[in-house]
Amino acid sequence: RVRVERDNTDENGCPGMHVLGKVNEGTFGVVFKAIRASEKSNYEDTVQRNQLFQHYFAIKRPKNNAREGEGFNKDAVREIALLMELKRGTGHANVVTLRDVILCPSGEGRGLYLVF
């Protein structure tokens, strides 16, 4: 299932999420640390009280190496298919869980986002 978001885009580009910062960038994409946009005030209160906030997400924005008009990067589509299959078949502690795939078709944050 891929969710399409047309609005509700954070200033850093990811729809429905508040990006706290960039974790790292690699050959196939950029990974960000984020929380749900609806939990932003709760997060700020928790941090202000020096308590541990426990609802973090990792968001990967795959690099689109495809030419204009060719669609999505084949590697990203392959990764999504594999992670969705692993999600159904295993609950192993060393396998990351793909929670959501978000497609933002327009705007500054246009692109595909994998939420872990």
N, C-alpha and C. Protein backbone atom coordinates (compact mmCIF):
# COMPACT_ATOMS: atom_id res chain seq x y z
N ARG A 1 0.85 -1.17 0.00
CA ARG A 1 0.00 0.00 0.00
C ARG A 1 0.89 1.23 0.00
N VAL A 2 0.63 2.14 -0.89
CA VAL A 2 1.36 3.40 -0.95
C VAL A 2 0.39 4.53 -0.68
N ARG A 3 0.73 5.37 0.26
CA ARG A 3 -0.13 6.51 0.61
C ARG A 3 0.32 7.71 -0.21
N VAL A 4 -0.65 8.39 -0.83
CA VAL A 4 -0.35 9.58 -1.62
C VAL A 4 -0.76 10.80 -0.81
N GLU A 5 0.19 11.69 -0.57
CA GLU A 5 -0.06 12.91 0.18
C GLU A 5 0.03 14.10 -0.76
N ARG A 6 -0.99 14.91 -0.75
CA ARG A 6 -0.99 16.10 -1.60
C ARG A 6 -0.68 17.36 -0.81
N ASP A 7 -1.04 17.37 0.46
CA ASP A 7 -0.82 18.53 1.32
C ASP A 7 -0.07 18.08 2.56
N ASN A 8 -0.13 18.89 3.61
CA ASN A 8 0.43 18.54 4.92
C ASN A 8 1.92 18.22 4.82
N THR A 9 2.65 19.01 4.08
CA THR A 9 4.08 18.76 3.89
C THR A 9 4.90 19.61 4.86
N ASP A 10 5.80 18.96 5.57
CA ASP A 10 6.70 19.63 6.50
C ASP A 10 7.65 20.52 5.72
N GLU A 11 8.23 21.50 6.41
CA GLU A 11 9.17 22.40 5.73
C GLU A 11 10.39 21.67 5.17
N ASN A 12 10.70 20.49 5.69
CA ASN A 12 11.81 19.70 5.18
C ASN A 12 11.39 18.75 4.07
N GLY A 13 10.11 18.74 3.74
CA GLY A 13 9.67 17.97 2.58
C GLY A 13 8.84 16.75 2.84
N CYS A 14 8.94 16.10 3.97
CA CYS A 14 8.23 14.84 4.17
C CYS A 14 6.82 15.07 4.67
N PRO A 15 5.82 14.58 3.94
CA PRO A 15 4.43 14.83 4.31
C PRO A 15 4.03 14.13 5.61
N GLY A 16 3.33 14.86 6.48
CA GLY A 16 2.81 14.29 7.72
C GLY A 16 3.85 14.05 8.81
N MET A 17 5.09 14.38 8.54
CA MET A 17 6.16 14.13 9.50
C MET A 17 6.91 15.43 9.78
N HIS A 18 7.51 15.51 10.95
CA HIS A 18 8.38 16.63 11.28
C HIS A 18 9.80 16.10 11.34
N VAL A 19 10.62 16.53 10.42
CA VAL A 19 11.99 16.04 10.33
C VAL A 19 12.85 16.79 11.35
N LEU A 20 13.53 16.01 12.21
CA LEU A 20 14.40 16.60 13.24
C LEU A 20 15.80 16.86 12.71
N GLY A 21 16.22 16.07 11.75
CA GLY A 21 17.56 16.27 11.19
C GLY A 21 17.96 15.14 10.27
N LYS A 22 19.03 15.39 9.56
CA LYS A 22 19.57 14.39 8.64
C LYS A 22 20.48 13.45 9.42
N VAL A 23 20.29 12.14 9.22
CA VAL A 23 21.13 11.15 9.88
C VAL A 23 22.36 10.88 9.04
N ASN A 24 22.15 10.55 7.77
CA ASN A 24 23.26 10.24 6.88
C ASN A 24 22.79 10.22 5.44
N GLU A 25 23.75 10.29 4.53
CA GLU A 25 23.46 10.21 3.10
C GLU A 25 24.36 9.16 2.50
N GLY A 26 23.78 8.30 1.67
CA GLY A 26 24.54 7.25 1.03
C GLY A 26 24.32 7.24 -0.47
N THR A 27 24.74 6.17 -1.10
CA THR A 27 24.64 6.03 -2.54
C THR A 27 23.19 6.00 -3.01
N PHE A 28 22.32 5.37 -2.22
CA PHE A 28 20.95 5.15 -2.67
C PHE A 28 19.93 6.09 -2.06
N GLY A 29 20.31 6.93 -1.13
CA GLY A 29 19.33 7.84 -0.57
C GLY A 29 19.83 8.60 0.64
N VAL A 30 18.92 9.38 1.21
CA VAL A 30 19.19 10.19 2.39
C VAL A 30 18.26 9.71 3.49
N VAL A 31 18.79 9.55 4.72
CA VAL A 31 17.99 9.10 5.86
C VAL A 31 17.86 10.24 6.86
N PHE A 32 16.62 10.46 7.32
CA PHE A 32 16.32 11.51 8.27
C PHE A 32 15.73 10.92 9.55
N LYS A 33 15.91 11.62 10.67
CA LYS A 33 15.26 11.28 11.93
C LYS A 33 14.03 12.16 12.03
N ALA A 34 12.87 11.55 12.37
CA ALA A 34 11.63 12.33 12.36
C ALA A 34 10.64 11.84 13.41
N ILE A 35 9.65 12.66 13.63
CA ILE A 35 8.50 12.32 14.46
C ILE A 35 7.25 12.69 13.66
N ARG A 36 6.10 12.18 14.08
CA ARG A 36 4.85 12.57 13.42
C ARG A 36 4.62 14.07 13.68
N ALA A 37 4.12 14.76 12.67
CA ALA A 37 3.86 16.20 12.80
C ALA A 37 2.86 16.47 13.92
N SER A 38 1.92 15.56 14.13
CA SER A 38 0.92 15.74 15.18
C SER A 38 1.50 15.62 16.59
N GLU A 39 2.70 15.05 16.72
CA GLU A 39 3.34 14.86 18.03
C GLU A 39 4.43 15.89 18.32
N LYS A 40 4.54 16.89 17.49
CA LYS A 40 5.62 17.86 17.63
C LYS A 40 5.58 18.59 18.98
N SER A 41 4.42 19.05 19.42
CA SER A 41 4.35 19.77 20.69
C SER A 41 4.64 18.84 21.87
N ASN A 42 4.17 17.59 21.80
CA ASN A 42 4.45 16.60 22.83
C ASN A 42 5.96 16.33 22.91
N TYR A 43 6.61 16.24 21.74
CA TYR A 43 8.05 16.03 21.68
C TYR A 43 8.79 17.19 22.35
N GLU A 44 8.40 18.41 22.03
CA GLU A 44 9.08 19.59 22.58
C GLU A 44 8.91 19.66 24.09
N ASP A 45 7.71 19.32 24.60
CA ASP A 45 7.49 19.30 26.05
C ASP A 45 8.37 18.25 26.72
N THR A 46 8.45 17.07 26.12
CA THR A 46 9.23 15.97 26.68
C THR A 46 10.71 16.31 26.73
N VAL A 47 11.22 16.90 25.68
CA VAL A 47 12.64 17.29 25.63
C VAL A 47 12.92 18.39 26.65
N GLN A 48 11.99 19.32 26.79
CA GLN A 48 12.17 20.41 27.74
C GLN A 48 12.26 19.89 29.17
N ARG A 49 11.55 18.80 29.48
CA ARG A 49 11.58 18.20 30.82
C ARG A 49 12.72 17.19 30.96
N ASN A 50 13.61 17.10 29.97
CA ASN A 50 14.73 16.17 29.96
C ASN A 50 14.30 14.72 30.10
N GLN A 51 13.18 14.37 29.49
CA GLN A 51 12.70 13.00 29.47
C GLN A 51 12.96 12.40 28.10
N LEU A 52 12.87 11.08 28.04
CA LEU A 52 13.13 10.36 26.79
C LEU A 52 11.86 10.28 25.95
N PHE A 53 11.95 10.74 24.73
CA PHE A 53 10.82 10.64 23.78
C PHE A 53 11.02 9.34 23.00
N GLN A 54 9.95 8.54 22.84
CA GLN A 54 10.13 7.19 22.32
C GLN A 54 9.50 6.92 20.97
N HIS A 55 9.00 7.93 20.29
CA HIS A 55 8.28 7.69 19.04
C HIS A 55 9.01 8.28 17.83
N TYR A 56 10.24 7.84 17.64
CA TYR A 56 11.03 8.32 16.50
C TYR A 56 10.82 7.43 15.28
N PHE A 57 11.03 8.00 14.12
CA PHE A 57 10.97 7.27 12.87
C PHE A 57 12.22 7.58 12.07
N ALA A 58 12.62 6.63 11.25
CA ALA A 58 13.67 6.88 10.26
C ALA A 58 12.96 6.99 8.92
N ILE A 59 13.28 8.03 8.18
CA ILE A 59 12.66 8.24 6.88
C ILE A 59 13.76 8.23 5.83
N LYS A 60 13.59 7.38 4.85
CA LYS A 60 14.55 7.31 3.76
C LYS A 60 13.93 7.91 2.52
N ARG A 61 14.63 8.84 1.93
CA ARG A 61 14.20 9.40 0.65
C ARG A 61 15.19 8.89 -0.41
N PRO A 62 14.77 7.87 -1.16
CA PRO A 62 15.68 7.31 -2.17
C PRO A 62 16.03 8.35 -3.23
N LYS A 63 17.27 8.30 -3.67
CA LYS A 63 17.68 9.18 -4.77
C LYS A 63 17.04 8.68 -6.04
N ASN A 64 16.54 9.60 -6.84
CA ASN A 64 15.92 9.23 -8.09
C ASN A 64 16.94 9.39 -9.21
N ASN A 65 17.55 8.28 -9.58
CA ASN A 65 18.56 8.31 -10.63
C ASN A 65 17.96 8.15 -12.02
N ALA A 66 16.64 7.99 -12.08
CA ALA A 66 15.97 7.83 -13.37
C ALA A 66 15.94 9.18 -14.09
N ARG A 67 15.91 9.12 -15.39
CA ARG A 67 15.80 10.35 -16.18
C ARG A 67 14.40 10.92 -16.04
N GLU A 68 14.26 12.21 -16.33
CA GLU A 68 12.97 12.88 -16.23
C GLU A 68 11.92 12.15 -17.05
N GLY A 69 10.80 11.83 -16.42
CA GLY A 69 9.71 11.17 -17.13
C GLY A 69 9.79 9.65 -17.16
N GLU A 70 10.87 9.06 -16.62
CA GLU A 70 11.02 7.60 -16.64
C GLU A 70 10.40 6.93 -15.43
N GLY A 71 9.95 7.69 -14.45
CA GLY A 71 9.34 7.09 -13.26
C GLY A 71 10.32 6.97 -12.12
N PHE A 72 10.10 5.94 -11.28
CA PHE A 72 10.91 5.77 -10.08
C PHE A 72 12.18 5.00 -10.37
N ASN A 73 13.12 5.18 -9.48
CA ASN A 73 14.37 4.44 -9.49
C ASN A 73 14.04 2.95 -9.29
N LYS A 74 14.56 2.10 -10.15
CA LYS A 74 14.29 0.66 -10.05
C LYS A 74 14.79 0.08 -8.73
N ASP A 75 15.90 0.57 -8.23
CA ASP A 75 16.43 0.07 -6.96
C ASP A 75 15.48 0.37 -5.81
N ALA A 76 14.86 1.54 -5.82
CA ALA A 76 13.92 1.91 -4.76
C ALA A 76 12.68 1.01 -4.80
N VAL A 77 12.17 0.75 -5.98
CA VAL A 77 11.00 -0.12 -6.13
C VAL A 77 11.34 -1.53 -5.67
N ARG A 78 12.51 -2.02 -6.03
CA ARG A 78 12.97 -3.35 -5.61
C ARG A 78 13.11 -3.42 -4.09
N GLU A 79 13.67 -2.37 -3.48
CA GLU A 79 13.83 -2.32 -2.03
C GLU A 79 12.47 -2.35 -1.33
N ILE A 80 11.50 -1.58 -1.82
CA ILE A 80 10.16 -1.56 -1.24
C ILE A 80 9.52 -2.93 -1.31
N ALA A 81 9.61 -3.58 -2.47
CA ALA A 81 9.01 -4.91 -2.64
C ALA A 81 9.64 -5.92 -1.68
N LEU A 82 10.94 -5.88 -1.54
CA LEU A 82 11.63 -6.81 -0.64
C LEU A 82 11.27 -6.55 0.82
N LEU A 83 11.24 -5.29 1.22
CA LEU A 83 10.91 -4.95 2.60
C LEU A 83 9.45 -5.29 2.94
N MET A 84 8.55 -5.13 1.97
CA MET A 84 7.14 -5.49 2.20
C MET A 84 6.99 -7.01 2.34
N GLU A 85 7.76 -7.75 1.57
CA GLU A 85 7.72 -9.21 1.68
C GLU A 85 8.29 -9.67 3.02
N LEU A 86 9.38 -9.05 3.45
CA LEU A 86 9.97 -9.38 4.74
C LEU A 86 9.04 -9.01 5.90
N LYS A 87 8.29 -7.94 5.73
CA LYS A 87 7.36 -7.50 6.76
C LYS A 87 6.27 -8.55 7.00
N ARG A 88 5.83 -9.18 5.92
CA ARG A 88 4.79 -10.20 6.04
C ARG A 88 5.34 -11.50 6.62
N GLY A 89 6.57 -11.84 6.28
CA GLY A 89 7.07 -13.17 6.60
C GLY A 89 7.88 -13.32 7.86
N THR A 90 8.43 -12.25 8.40
CA THR A 90 9.32 -12.41 9.55
C THR A 90 9.11 -11.30 10.56
N GLY A 91 9.36 -11.62 11.78
CA GLY A 91 9.33 -10.62 12.83
C GLY A 91 10.69 -10.58 13.51
N HIS A 92 11.73 -10.90 12.77
CA HIS A 92 13.07 -11.01 13.32
C HIS A 92 13.57 -9.65 13.80
N ALA A 93 14.28 -9.64 14.92
CA ALA A 93 14.76 -8.41 15.53
C ALA A 93 15.77 -7.66 14.67
N ASN A 94 16.47 -8.36 13.78
CA ASN A 94 17.49 -7.70 12.96
C ASN A 94 16.98 -7.23 11.61
N VAL A 95 15.68 -7.36 11.37
CA VAL A 95 15.10 -6.90 10.11
C VAL A 95 14.28 -5.65 10.40
N VAL A 96 14.63 -4.55 9.76
CA VAL A 96 13.93 -3.29 9.97
C VAL A 96 12.50 -3.40 9.41
N THR A 97 11.55 -2.77 10.09
CA THR A 97 10.15 -2.84 9.68
C THR A 97 9.79 -1.63 8.84
N LEU A 98 9.34 -1.86 7.63
CA LEU A 98 8.84 -0.79 6.77
C LEU A 98 7.43 -0.48 7.23
N ARG A 99 7.23 0.71 7.79
CA ARG A 99 5.93 1.08 8.34
C ARG A 99 5.02 1.70 7.30
N ASP A 100 5.58 2.46 6.39
CA ASP A 100 4.75 3.18 5.42
C ASP A 100 5.58 3.59 4.22
N VAL A 101 4.92 3.74 3.10
CA VAL A 101 5.53 4.31 1.90
C VAL A 101 4.66 5.49 1.51
N ILE A 102 5.27 6.67 1.43
CA ILE A 102 4.52 7.89 1.15
C ILE A 102 4.98 8.45 -0.18
N LEU A 103 4.04 8.76 -1.04
CA LEU A 103 4.32 9.38 -2.33
C LEU A 103 3.78 10.79 -2.30
N CYS A 104 4.64 11.75 -2.51
CA CYS A 104 4.25 13.15 -2.57
C CYS A 104 4.47 13.61 -4.01
N PRO A 105 3.40 13.70 -4.82
CA PRO A 105 3.55 13.93 -6.25
C PRO A 105 3.91 15.35 -6.68
N SER A 106 3.78 16.33 -5.78
CA SER A 106 4.06 17.70 -6.21
C SER A 106 4.66 18.50 -5.08
N GLY A 107 5.15 19.67 -5.41
CA GLY A 107 5.70 20.57 -4.41
C GLY A 107 7.19 20.37 -4.20
N GLU A 108 7.71 21.11 -3.22
CA GLU A 108 9.14 21.06 -2.93
C GLU A 108 9.57 19.70 -2.41
N GLY A 109 8.70 19.04 -1.66
CA GLY A 109 9.02 17.73 -1.10
C GLY A 109 8.62 16.58 -2.01
N ARG A 110 8.49 16.85 -3.29
CA ARG A 110 8.05 15.83 -4.25
C ARG A 110 8.99 14.64 -4.21
N GLY A 111 8.39 13.46 -4.14
CA GLY A 111 9.21 12.25 -4.16
C GLY A 111 8.59 11.12 -3.38
N LEU A 112 9.38 10.12 -3.17
CA LEU A 112 8.99 8.90 -2.50
C LEU A 112 9.69 8.85 -1.15
N TYR A 113 8.96 8.45 -0.10
CA TYR A 113 9.52 8.37 1.24
C TYR A 113 9.23 7.01 1.83
N LEU A 114 10.23 6.38 2.41
CA LEU A 114 10.06 5.11 3.12
C LEU A 114 10.16 5.41 4.60
N VAL A 115 9.15 5.02 5.36
CA VAL A 115 9.10 5.30 6.80
C VAL A 115 9.37 4.00 7.55
N PHE A 116 10.39 4.03 8.41
CA PHE A 116 10.78 2.87 9.22
C PHE A 116 10.56 3.17 10.68
